[in-house]
């Protein structure tokens, strides 16, 4: 993923209401696969 793609991802997640910590943890989960960073499902998720 290049910087342009990364920037669009971050902007998109912020527009969905994600916090910077949630975004950072999501990116860490994608890159490392570590379960401690995996996003938690919320009531808003279908």
C-alpha atoms as a PDB file:
ATOM      1  CA  UNK A   1       0.000   0.000   0.000  1.00  0.00           C
ATOM      2  CA  UNK A   2       1.444   3.368  -0.954  1.00  0.00           C
ATOM      3  CA  UNK A   3       1.059   6.662   0.934  1.00  0.00           C
ATOM      4  CA  UNK A   4      -1.835   7.847  -1.240  1.00  0.00           C
ATOM      5  CA  UNK A   5      -3.799   4.654  -0.562  1.00  0.00           C
ATOM      6  CA  UNK A   6      -2.976   4.818   3.140  1.00  0.00           C
ATOM      7  CA  UNK A   7      -4.156   8.411   3.329  1.00  0.00           C
ATOM      8  CA  UNK A   8      -7.472   7.592   1.632  1.00  0.00           C
ATOM      9  CA  UNK A   9      -7.972   4.660   4.012  1.00  0.00           C
ATOM     10  CA  UNK A  10      -7.392   6.847   7.077  1.00  0.00           C
ATOM     11  CA  UNK A  11      -9.659   9.627   5.760  1.00  0.00           C
ATOM     12  CA  UNK A  12     -12.387   7.098   4.985  1.00  0.00           C
ATOM     13  CA  UNK A  13     -12.244   5.523   8.439  1.00  0.00           C
ATOM     14  CA  UNK A  14     -12.285   8.946  10.116  1.00  0.00           C
ATOM     15  CA  UNK A  15     -15.386   9.861   8.092  1.00  0.00           C
ATOM     16  CA  UNK A  16     -17.041   6.702   9.467  1.00  0.00           C
ATOM     17  CA  UNK A  17     -16.376   7.976  12.999  1.00  0.00           C
ATOM     18  CA  UNK A  18     -13.358   5.838  13.885  1.00  0.00           C
ATOM     19  CA  UNK A  19     -10.918   7.283  16.419  1.00  0.00           C
ATOM     20  CA  UNK A  20      -7.226   7.562  15.626  1.00  0.00           C
ATOM     21  CA  UNK A  21      -6.537   4.730  18.081  1.00  0.00           C
ATOM     22  CA  UNK A  22      -9.075   2.467  16.343  1.00  0.00           C
ATOM     23  CA  UNK A  23      -7.507   3.299  12.978  1.00  0.00           C
ATOM     24  CA  UNK A  24      -3.972   2.598  14.223  1.00  0.00           C
ATOM     25  CA  UNK A  25      -5.062  -0.710  15.781  1.00  0.00           C
ATOM     26  CA  UNK A  26      -6.834  -1.704  12.544  1.00  0.00           C
ATOM     27  CA  UNK A  27      -3.731  -0.995  10.472  1.00  0.00           C
ATOM     28  CA  UNK A  28      -1.599  -2.947  12.953  1.00  0.00           C
ATOM     29  CA  UNK A  29      -4.039  -5.873  12.737  1.00  0.00           C
ATOM     30  CA  UNK A  30      -3.941  -5.841   8.923  1.00  0.00           C
ATOM     31  CA  UNK A  31      -0.130  -5.759   8.877  1.00  0.00           C
ATOM     32  CA  UNK A  32       0.622  -8.149  11.760  1.00  0.00           C
ATOM     33  CA  UNK A  33      -2.454 -10.352  12.072  1.00  0.00           C
ATOM     34  CA  UNK A  34      -2.210 -10.083  15.866  1.00  0.00           C
ATOM     35  CA  UNK A  35      -5.619 -10.705  17.415  1.00  0.00           C
ATOM     36  CA  UNK A  36      -5.132  -8.033  20.085  1.00  0.00           C
ATOM     37  CA  UNK A  37      -5.477  -5.383  17.346  1.00  0.00           C
ATOM     38  CA  UNK A  38      -8.498  -6.960  15.635  1.00  0.00           C
ATOM     39  CA  UNK A  39     -11.479  -4.573  15.557  1.00  0.00           C
ATOM     40  CA  UNK A  40     -14.290  -5.367  17.948  1.00  0.00           C
ATOM     41  CA  UNK A  41     -17.785  -5.706  16.473  1.00  0.00           C
ATOM     42  CA  UNK A  42     -20.223  -3.057  17.673  1.00  0.00           C
ATOM     43  CA  UNK A  43     -24.002  -2.865  17.640  1.00  0.00           C
ATOM     44  CA  UNK A  44     -23.791  -0.590  14.584  1.00  0.00           C
ATOM     45  CA  UNK A  45     -22.037  -3.327  12.565  1.00  0.00           C
ATOM     46  CA  UNK A  46     -24.393  -5.517  10.551  1.00  0.00           C
END
